C-alpha atoms as a PDB file:
ATOM      1  CA  UNK A   1      14.910  -6.279  36.005  1.00  0.00           C
ATOM      2  CA  UNK A   2      15.897  -4.632  32.716  1.00  0.00           C
ATOM      3  CA  UNK A   3      12.821  -3.125  31.036  1.00  0.00           C
ATOM      4  CA  UNK A   4      12.681  -3.001  27.232  1.00  0.00           C
ATOM      5  CA  UNK A   5      10.144  -2.078  24.561  1.00  0.00           C
ATOM      6  CA  UNK A   6       9.962  -4.101  21.361  1.00  0.00           C
ATOM      7  CA  UNK A   7       9.180  -1.256  18.970  1.00  0.00           C
ATOM      8  CA  UNK A   8       8.265  -3.470  16.002  1.00  0.00           C
ATOM      9  CA  UNK A   9       6.727  -6.950  15.882  1.00  0.00           C
ATOM     10  CA  UNK A  10       4.112  -8.914  13.956  1.00  0.00           C
ATOM     11  CA  UNK A  11       2.488 -10.959  16.702  1.00  0.00           C
ATOM     12  CA  UNK A  12      -0.665 -11.515  14.647  1.00  0.00           C
ATOM     13  CA  UNK A  13       1.418 -13.735  12.334  1.00  0.00           C
ATOM     14  CA  UNK A  14       0.152 -17.300  11.953  1.00  0.00           C
ATOM     15  CA  UNK A  15       3.505 -18.551  13.278  1.00  0.00           C
ATOM     16  CA  UNK A  16       2.270 -17.543  16.731  1.00  0.00           C
ATOM     17  CA  UNK A  17      -1.150 -19.180  16.461  1.00  0.00           C
ATOM     18  CA  UNK A  18      -0.297 -22.236  18.572  1.00  0.00           C
ATOM     19  CA  UNK A  19       1.523 -20.550  21.478  1.00  0.00           C
ATOM     20  CA  UNK A  20       0.782 -16.817  21.476  1.00  0.00           C
ATOM     21  CA  UNK A  21      -0.053 -16.695  25.186  1.00  0.00           C
ATOM     22  CA  UNK A  22       3.116 -18.575  26.139  1.00  0.00           C
ATOM     23  CA  UNK A  23       5.193 -16.363  23.854  1.00  0.00           C
ATOM     24  CA  UNK A  24       3.797 -13.209  25.444  1.00  0.00           C
ATOM     25  CA  UNK A  25       4.412 -14.626  28.912  1.00  0.00           C
ATOM     26  CA  UNK A  26       8.052 -15.266  27.984  1.00  0.00           C
ATOM     27  CA  UNK A  27       8.332 -11.692  26.754  1.00  0.00           C
ATOM     28  CA  UNK A  28       7.045 -10.227  29.991  1.00  0.00           C
ATOM     29  CA  UNK A  29       9.278 -12.483  32.068  1.00  0.00           C
ATOM     30  CA  UNK A  30      12.237 -11.285  29.970  1.00  0.00           C
ATOM     31  CA  UNK A  31      11.438  -7.656  30.875  1.00  0.00           C
ATOM     32  CA  UNK A  32       9.576  -6.595  27.729  1.00  0.00           C
ATOM     33  CA  UNK A  33       7.054  -4.140  29.110  1.00  0.00           C
ATOM     34  CA  UNK A  34       5.411  -2.907  25.882  1.00  0.00           C
ATOM     35  CA  UNK A  35       5.236  -4.002  22.235  1.00  0.00           C
ATOM     36  CA  UNK A  36       4.278  -2.169  19.038  1.00  0.00           C
ATOM     37  CA  UNK A  37       2.501  -4.534  16.652  1.00  0.00           C
ATOM     38  CA  UNK A  38       2.823  -3.240  13.078  1.00  0.00           C
ATOM     39  CA  UNK A  39       0.277  -3.831  10.355  1.00  0.00           C
ATOM     40  CA  UNK A  40       1.265  -4.337   6.726  1.00  0.00           C
ATOM     41  CA  UNK A  41      -2.152  -4.408   5.026  1.00  0.00           C
ATOM     42  CA  UNK A  42      -5.761  -3.777   6.057  1.00  0.00           C
ATOM     43  CA  UNK A  43      -6.428  -7.262   7.529  1.00  0.00           C
ATOM     44  CA  UNK A  44      -3.190  -7.313   9.551  1.00  0.00           C
ATOM     45  CA  UNK A  45      -3.873  -3.772  10.736  1.00  0.00           C
ATOM     46  CA  UNK A  46      -7.275  -4.914  11.999  1.00  0.00           C
ATOM     47  CA  UNK A  47      -5.623  -7.858  13.755  1.00  0.00           C
ATOM     48  CA  UNK A  48      -3.148  -5.455  15.386  1.00  0.00           C
ATOM     49  CA  UNK A  49      -6.037  -3.422  16.756  1.00  0.00           C
ATOM     50  CA  UNK A  50      -7.630  -6.572  18.177  1.00  0.00           C
ATOM     51  CA  UNK A  51      -4.364  -7.539  19.870  1.00  0.00           C
ATOM     52  CA  UNK A  52      -4.094  -4.059  21.393  1.00  0.00           C
ATOM     53  CA  UNK A  53      -7.653  -4.346  22.680  1.00  0.00           C
ATOM     54  CA  UNK A  54      -6.934  -7.709  24.293  1.00  0.00           C
ATOM     55  CA  UNK A  55      -3.500  -7.034  25.822  1.00  0.00           C
ATOM     56  CA  UNK A  56      -2.859  -3.726  27.629  1.00  0.00           C
ATOM     57  CA  UNK A  57       0.892  -3.868  26.926  1.00  0.00           C
ATOM     58  CA  UNK A  58       0.469  -4.203  23.126  1.00  0.00           C
ATOM     59  CA  UNK A  59      -0.132  -1.154  20.917  1.00  0.00           C
ATOM     60  CA  UNK A  60      -1.063  -1.111  17.247  1.00  0.00           C
ATOM     61  CA  UNK A  61       0.333   0.515  14.137  1.00  0.00           C
ATOM     62  CA  UNK A  62      -1.807   0.418  11.007  1.00  0.00           C
ATOM     63  CA  UNK A  63      -0.650   0.812   7.439  1.00  0.00           C
ATOM     64  CA  UNK A  64       0.093  -0.594   4.009  1.00  0.00           C
ATOM     65  CA  UNK A  65       3.496  -2.192   3.384  1.00  0.00           C
ATOM     66  CA  UNK A  66       5.052  -1.530  -0.044  1.00  0.00           C
ATOM     67  CA  UNK A  67       4.573  -5.208  -0.950  1.00  0.00           C
ATOM     68  CA  UNK A  68       0.813  -4.626  -0.774  1.00  0.00           C
ATOM     69  CA  UNK A  69       0.704  -1.164  -2.319  1.00  0.00           C
ATOM     70  CA  UNK A  70      -0.355  -2.518  -5.700  1.00  0.00           C
ATOM     71  CA  UNK A  71      -3.499  -4.213  -4.412  1.00  0.00           C
ATOM     72  CA  UNK A  72      -4.996  -1.670  -2.003  1.00  0.00           C
ATOM     73  CA  UNK A  73      -8.685  -0.848  -2.473  1.00  0.00           C
ATOM     74  CA  UNK A  74      -9.601   2.663  -3.572  1.00  0.00           C
ATOM     75  CA  UNK A  75     -10.940   3.519  -0.127  1.00  0.00           C
ATOM     76  CA  UNK A  76      -7.880   2.292   1.804  1.00  0.00           C
ATOM     77  CA  UNK A  77      -7.012   5.736   3.187  1.00  0.00           C
ATOM     78  CA  UNK A  78     -10.522   6.220   4.554  1.00  0.00           C
ATOM     79  CA  UNK A  79     -10.354   2.784   6.159  1.00  0.00           C
ATOM     80  CA  UNK A  80      -6.955   3.529   7.701  1.00  0.00           C
ATOM     81  CA  UNK A  81      -8.263   6.870   8.961  1.00  0.00           C
ATOM     82  CA  UNK A  82     -11.115   5.071  10.707  1.00  0.00           C
ATOM     83  CA  UNK A  83      -8.706   2.495  12.176  1.00  0.00           C
ATOM     84  CA  UNK A  84      -6.587   5.283  13.610  1.00  0.00           C
ATOM     85  CA  UNK A  85      -9.545   6.321  15.773  1.00  0.00           C
ATOM     86  CA  UNK A  86      -9.509   2.970  17.548  1.00  0.00           C
ATOM     87  CA  UNK A  87      -8.125   2.576  21.035  1.00  0.00           C
ATOM     88  CA  UNK A  88      -4.492   1.483  21.163  1.00  0.00           C
ATOM     89  CA  UNK A  89      -3.466   2.745  17.710  1.00  0.00           C
ATOM     90  CA  UNK A  90      -0.297   4.793  18.121  1.00  0.00           C
ATOM     91  CA  UNK A  91       1.292   5.004  14.641  1.00  0.00           C
ATOM     92  CA  UNK A  92       0.902   4.536  10.912  1.00  0.00           C
ATOM     93  CA  UNK A  93       3.105   1.709   9.690  1.00  0.00           C
ATOM     94  CA  UNK A  94       4.735  -0.083   8.405  1.00  0.00           C
ATOM     95  CA  UNK A  95       4.923   1.986   5.251  1.00  0.00           C
ATOM     96  CA  UNK A  96       7.688   2.786   2.811  1.00  0.00           C
ATOM     97  CA  UNK A  97       9.499   1.340  -0.196  1.00  0.00           C
ATOM     98  CA  UNK A  98      10.923  -2.083  -0.978  1.00  0.00           C
ATOM     99  CA  UNK A  99      13.007  -2.354  -4.151  1.00  0.00           C
ATOM    100  CA  UNK A 100      14.495  -5.722  -3.165  1.00  0.00           C
ATOM    101  CA  UNK A 101      11.407  -7.824  -3.839  1.00  0.00           C
ATOM    102  CA  UNK A 102       9.599  -5.264  -6.034  1.00  0.00           C
ATOM    103  CA  UNK A 103       6.237  -6.914  -5.402  1.00  0.00           C
ATOM    104  CA  UNK A 104       4.446  -3.681  -6.322  1.00  0.00           C
ATOM    105  CA  UNK A 105       5.381  -1.253  -9.123  1.00  0.00           C
ATOM    106  CA  UNK A 106       7.780   1.353  -7.810  1.00  0.00           C
ATOM    107  CA  UNK A 107       5.657   4.322  -8.839  1.00  0.00           C
ATOM    108  CA  UNK A 108       2.709   2.778  -6.958  1.00  0.00           C
ATOM    109  CA  UNK A 109       4.864   2.124  -3.889  1.00  0.00           C
ATOM    110  CA  UNK A 110       5.908   5.763  -3.906  1.00  0.00           C
ATOM    111  CA  UNK A 111       2.354   7.053  -4.299  1.00  0.00           C
ATOM    112  CA  UNK A 112       0.982   4.899  -1.475  1.00  0.00           C
ATOM    113  CA  UNK A 113       3.928   5.818   0.765  1.00  0.00           C
ATOM    114  CA  UNK A 114       3.359   9.533   0.168  1.00  0.00           C
ATOM    115  CA  UNK A 115      -0.393   9.217   0.730  1.00  0.00           C
ATOM    116  CA  UNK A 116       0.179   7.533   4.079  1.00  0.00           C
ATOM    117  CA  UNK A 117       2.760  10.116   5.090  1.00  0.00           C
ATOM    118  CA  UNK A 118       0.130  12.761   4.371  1.00  0.00           C
ATOM    119  CA  UNK A 119      -2.423  10.860   6.465  1.00  0.00           C
ATOM    120  CA  UNK A 120       0.035  10.701   9.367  1.00  0.00           C
ATOM    121  CA  UNK A 121       0.620  14.445   9.139  1.00  0.00           C
ATOM    122  CA  UNK A 122      -3.144  15.035   9.037  1.00  0.00           C
ATOM    123  CA  UNK A 123      -3.766  12.887  12.116  1.00  0.00           C
ATOM    124  CA  UNK A 124      -0.659  13.888  14.053  1.00  0.00           C
ATOM    125  CA  UNK A 125       0.653  10.331  14.266  1.00  0.00           C
ATOM    126  CA  UNK A 126       4.233   9.056  13.979  1.00  0.00           C
ATOM    127  CA  UNK A 127       5.213   6.790  11.093  1.00  0.00           C
ATOM    128  CA  UNK A 128       7.086   3.478  10.975  1.00  0.00           C
ATOM    129  CA  UNK A 129       9.125   3.411   7.770  1.00  0.00           C
ATOM    130  CA  UNK A 130      10.244   0.308   5.874  1.00  0.00           C
ATOM    131  CA  UNK A 131      13.223   0.862   3.554  1.00  0.00           C
ATOM    132  CA  UNK A 132      14.848  -1.959   1.639  1.00  0.00           C
ATOM    133  CA  UNK A 133      17.244  -1.102  -1.181  1.00  0.00           C
ATOM    134  CA  UNK A 134      15.381   2.182  -1.696  1.00  0.00           C
ATOM    135  CA  UNK A 135      17.505   4.620   0.308  1.00  0.00           C
ATOM    136  CA  UNK A 136      17.651   7.363  -2.328  1.00  0.00           C
ATOM    137  CA  UNK A 137      13.925   7.491  -3.056  1.00  0.00           C
ATOM    138  CA  UNK A 138      13.038   7.234   0.639  1.00  0.00           C
ATOM    139  CA  UNK A 139      15.194  10.258   1.392  1.00  0.00           C
ATOM    140  CA  UNK A 140      13.890  12.215  -1.603  1.00  0.00           C
ATOM    141  CA  UNK A 141      10.281  11.655  -0.534  1.00  0.00           C
ATOM    142  CA  UNK A 142      11.025  12.541   3.081  1.00  0.00           C
ATOM    143  CA  UNK A 143      12.861  15.696   2.008  1.00  0.00           C
ATOM    144  CA  UNK A 144       9.964  16.730  -0.204  1.00  0.00           C
ATOM    145  CA  UNK A 145       7.003  15.687   1.952  1.00  0.00           C
ATOM    146  CA  UNK A 146       8.299  15.518   5.529  1.00  0.00           C
ATOM    147  CA  UNK A 147       7.026  13.378   8.375  1.00  0.00           C
ATOM    148  CA  UNK A 148       5.273  16.027  10.440  1.00  0.00           C
ATOM    149  CA  UNK A 149       5.881  17.063  14.052  1.00  0.00           C
ATOM    150  CA  UNK A 150       4.964  13.603  15.400  1.00  0.00           C
ATOM    151  CA  UNK A 151       8.102  12.194  13.767  1.00  0.00           C
ATOM    152  CA  UNK A 152       8.643   8.495  13.261  1.00  0.00           C
ATOM    153  CA  UNK A 153      11.187   5.713  13.092  1.00  0.00           C
ATOM    154  CA  UNK A 154      13.318   4.071  10.435  1.00  0.00           C
ATOM    155  CA  UNK A 155      12.514   0.421  11.102  1.00  0.00           C
ATOM    156  CA  UNK A 156      15.336  -2.163  10.979  1.00  0.00           C
ATOM    157  CA  UNK A 157      17.757   0.449   9.680  1.00  0.00           C
ATOM    158  CA  UNK A 158      20.221  -0.717   7.026  1.00  0.00           C
ATOM    159  CA  UNK A 159      21.389   2.556   5.516  1.00  0.00           C
ATOM    160  CA  UNK A 160      24.602   4.514   5.883  1.00  0.00           C
ATOM    161  CA  UNK A 161      25.641   6.778   8.738  1.00  0.00           C
ATOM    162  CA  UNK A 162      25.064   9.779   6.465  1.00  0.00           C
ATOM    163  CA  UNK A 163      21.502   8.639   5.830  1.00  0.00           C
ATOM    164  CA  UNK A 164      20.905   8.000   9.536  1.00  0.00           C
ATOM    165  CA  UNK A 165      22.154  11.468  10.383  1.00  0.00           C
ATOM    166  CA  UNK A 166      19.824  13.076   7.840  1.00  0.00           C
ATOM    167  CA  UNK A 167      16.857  11.017   9.052  1.00  0.00           C
ATOM    168  CA  UNK A 168      17.523  12.045  12.648  1.00  0.00           C
ATOM    169  CA  UNK A 169      17.660  15.691  11.584  1.00  0.00           C
ATOM    170  CA  UNK A 170      14.161  15.206  10.112  1.00  0.00           C
ATOM    171  CA  UNK A 171      12.867  14.033  13.499  1.00  0.00           C
ATOM    172  CA  UNK A 172      13.129  10.287  12.957  1.00  0.00           C
ATOM    173  CA  UNK A 173      14.426   7.677  15.368  1.00  0.00           C
ATOM    174  CA  UNK A 174      16.719   4.877  14.187  1.00  0.00           C
ATOM    175  CA  UNK A 175      15.751   1.319  15.132  1.00  0.00           C
ATOM    176  CA  UNK A 176      17.778  -1.880  14.949  1.00  0.00           C
ATOM    177  CA  UNK A 177      16.686  -5.517  14.981  1.00  0.00           C
ATOM    178  CA  UNK A 178      18.370  -8.926  14.883  1.00  0.00           C
ATOM    179  CA  UNK A 179      20.708  -8.153  11.940  1.00  0.00           C
ATOM    180  CA  UNK A 180      22.779  -5.860  14.166  1.00  0.00           C
ATOM    181  CA  UNK A 181      23.867  -9.024  16.015  1.00  0.00           C
ATOM    182  CA  UNK A 182      25.129 -10.758  12.856  1.00  0.00           C
ATOM    183  CA  UNK A 183      28.941 -10.802  12.709  1.00  0.00           C
ATOM    184  CA  UNK A 184      29.004  -9.917   8.996  1.00  0.00           C
ATOM    185  CA  UNK A 185      26.525  -7.023   9.272  1.00  0.00           C
ATOM    186  CA  UNK A 186      29.243  -4.397   9.221  1.00  0.00           C
ATOM    187  CA  UNK A 187      27.225  -1.316   8.298  1.00  0.00           C
ATOM    188  CA  UNK A 188      24.333  -1.681  10.789  1.00  0.00           C
ATOM    189  CA  UNK A 189      26.845  -2.346  13.545  1.00  0.00           C
ATOM    190  CA  UNK A 190      28.887   0.727  12.655  1.00  0.00           C
ATOM    191  CA  UNK A 191      25.799   2.933  12.497  1.00  0.00           C
ATOM    192  CA  UNK A 192      24.363   1.574  15.757  1.00  0.00           C
ATOM    193  CA  UNK A 193      27.612   2.428  17.500  1.00  0.00           C
ATOM    194  CA  UNK A 194      27.281   6.064  16.357  1.00  0.00           C
ATOM    195  CA  UNK A 195      23.577   6.817  16.818  1.00  0.00           C
ATOM    196  CA  UNK A 196      23.037   8.893  19.938  1.00  0.00           C
ATOM    197  CA  UNK A 197      21.117   7.138  22.693  1.00  0.00           C
ATOM    198  CA  UNK A 198      18.455   9.839  22.480  1.00  0.00           C
ATOM    199  CA  UNK A 199      17.487   8.734  18.921  1.00  0.00           C
ATOM    200  CA  UNK A 200      17.740   4.950  19.270  1.00  0.00           C
ATOM    201  CA  UNK A 201      15.083   2.219  19.382  1.00  0.00           C
ATOM    202  CA  UNK A 202      15.306  -1.580  19.543  1.00  0.00           C
ATOM    203  CA  UNK A 203      12.973  -4.116  17.948  1.00  0.00           C
ATOM    204  CA  UNK A 204      12.619  -7.741  16.886  1.00  0.00           C
ATOM    205  CA  UNK A 205      10.446  -7.692  13.730  1.00  0.00           C
ATOM    206  CA  UNK A 206       9.239 -11.023  15.138  1.00  0.00           C
ATOM    207  CA  UNK A 207       8.730 -13.648  13.826  1.00  0.00           C
ATOM    208  CA  UNK A 208      11.467 -12.575  11.389  1.00  0.00           C
ATOM    209  CA  UNK A 209      15.153 -11.559  11.734  1.00  0.00           C
ATOM    210  CA  UNK A 210      16.050 -13.745  14.698  1.00  0.00           C
ATOM    211  CA  UNK A 211      19.190 -12.559  16.556  1.00  0.00           C
ATOM    212  CA  UNK A 212      22.424 -14.484  16.088  1.00  0.00           C
ATOM    213  CA  UNK A 213      22.174 -16.257  19.449  1.00  0.00           C
ATOM    214  CA  UNK A 214      18.852 -17.818  18.396  1.00  0.00           C
ATOM    215  CA  UNK A 215      19.368 -18.237  14.633  1.00  0.00           C
ATOM    216  CA  UNK A 216      17.342 -21.116  13.244  1.00  0.00           C
ATOM    217  CA  UNK A 217      14.428 -20.404  15.615  1.00  0.00           C
ATOM    218  CA  UNK A 218      11.334 -18.271  15.211  1.00  0.00           C
ATOM    219  CA  UNK A 219      11.956 -14.780  16.528  1.00  0.00           C
ATOM    220  CA  UNK A 220       9.846 -13.416  19.401  1.00  0.00           C
ATOM    221  CA  UNK A 221       9.768 -10.263  21.581  1.00  0.00           C
ATOM    222  CA  UNK A 222      11.740 -11.845  24.447  1.00  0.00           C
ATOM    223  CA  UNK A 223      14.738 -11.867  22.094  1.00  0.00           C
ATOM    224  CA  UNK A 224      14.849  -8.055  21.880  1.00  0.00           C
ATOM    225  CA  UNK A 225      17.257  -8.289  24.800  1.00  0.00           C
ATOM    226  CA  UNK A 226      19.879  -9.784  22.474  1.00  0.00           C
ATOM    227  CA  UNK A 227      19.581  -6.717  20.250  1.00  0.00           C
ATOM    228  CA  UNK A 228      19.896  -4.389  23.232  1.00  0.00           C
ATOM    229  CA  UNK A 229      22.894  -6.277  24.615  1.00  0.00           C
ATOM    230  CA  UNK A 230      24.688  -6.118  21.267  1.00  0.00           C
ATOM    231  CA  UNK A 231      24.124  -2.400  20.793  1.00  0.00           C
ATOM    232  CA  UNK A 232      25.174  -1.667  24.375  1.00  0.00           C
ATOM    233  CA  UNK A 233      28.411  -3.564  23.737  1.00  0.00           C
ATOM    234  CA  UNK A 234      28.970  -1.721  20.440  1.00  0.00           C
ATOM    235  CA  UNK A 235      28.465   1.624  22.168  1.00  0.00           C
ATOM    236  CA  UNK A 236      30.423   0.690  25.279  1.00  0.00           C
ATOM    237  CA  UNK A 237      27.596   1.541  27.672  1.00  0.00           C
ATOM    238  CA  UNK A 238      25.891  -0.565  30.363  1.00  0.00           C
ATOM    239  CA  UNK A 239      22.834  -2.497  29.226  1.00  0.00           C
ATOM    240  CA  UNK A 240      20.809  -0.728  31.913  1.00  0.00           C
ATOM    241  CA  UNK A 241      21.624   2.673  30.398  1.00  0.00           C
ATOM    242  CA  UNK A 242      20.691   1.575  26.891  1.00  0.00           C
ATOM    243  CA  UNK A 243      17.458  -0.018  28.126  1.00  0.00           C
ATOM    244  CA  UNK A 244      16.424   3.160  29.970  1.00  0.00           C
ATOM    245  CA  UNK A 245      17.123   5.312  26.925  1.00  0.00           C
ATOM    246  CA  UNK A 246      15.382   3.151  24.326  1.00  0.00           C
ATOM    247  CA  UNK A 247      12.367   2.597  26.565  1.00  0.00           C
ATOM    248  CA  UNK A 248      11.988   6.323  27.186  1.00  0.00           C
ATOM    249  CA  UNK A 249      12.436   7.011  23.461  1.00  0.00           C
ATOM    250  CA  UNK A 250       9.733   4.540  22.443  1.00  0.00           C
ATOM    251  CA  UNK A 251       7.312   5.930  25.016  1.00  0.00           C
ATOM    252  CA  UNK A 252       8.023   9.463  23.853  1.00  0.00           C
ATOM    253  CA  UNK A 253       7.617   8.665  20.145  1.00  0.00           C
ATOM    254  CA  UNK A 254       4.466   6.567  20.426  1.00  0.00           C
ATOM    255  CA  UNK A 255       2.909   8.316  23.412  1.00  0.00           C
ATOM    256  CA  UNK A 256       2.916   5.140  25.491  1.00  0.00           C
ATOM    257  CA  UNK A 257       2.014   5.124  29.174  1.00  0.00           C
ATOM    258  CA  UNK A 258       4.755   4.748  31.749  1.00  0.00           C
ATOM    259  CA  UNK A 259       7.575   6.660  33.393  1.00  0.00           C
ATOM    260  CA  UNK A 260       9.460   8.858  30.966  1.00  0.00           C
ATOM    261  CA  UNK A 261       6.586   8.997  28.478  1.00  0.00           C
END
């Protein structure tokens, strides 16, 4: 059995309300041994914590997505700090910048991103970074502020090889989701082929970004295997080797239990 870790999902999403148990059973039968459930605002972060409390193979990340940066309460950092004390919380995320939708003013996105980076450094937790059409400002903030010794991951990476190389030098892992399986996704495929196995993670971002083989369907953690298979083919390595590496990497980054942690 190939063992994989889905390093980024949103299993608290309402799209899973009717069949969450069945979906999780399919994931485990497909060899998904652990899942990181990422928050994007305070309510979803609380739901992530509840999922982690209920299922021993799910772990929570808590944080404010850039879409929600403009509406956070004044005490959001204190509330996140308290959440980080809860059992099963392993990261702060997803946080970052999104200049594609621009649902929050860019200066506010940047402030909230930097504040959460500082909280992660204070607490010694890794970060899960969202970057959409904001490569330059993401890099500038990371160069100036840093991510701390706990490191982090660039979620669903869509930047250039040069950006990936700089992020890795800062202590970040590079993660790929369903888009790496799309035939016209030239840049993610080229970067995935070049990222060293020691810095690579795989994810689904479920219920979003369904891999090519399942396009038109809701995404779910069982489909992380399609991502792993595609990257293994791009790198010319056996799936078993890629699965071992990405599983060990996720356990190392997030401090998850299991061999190779």
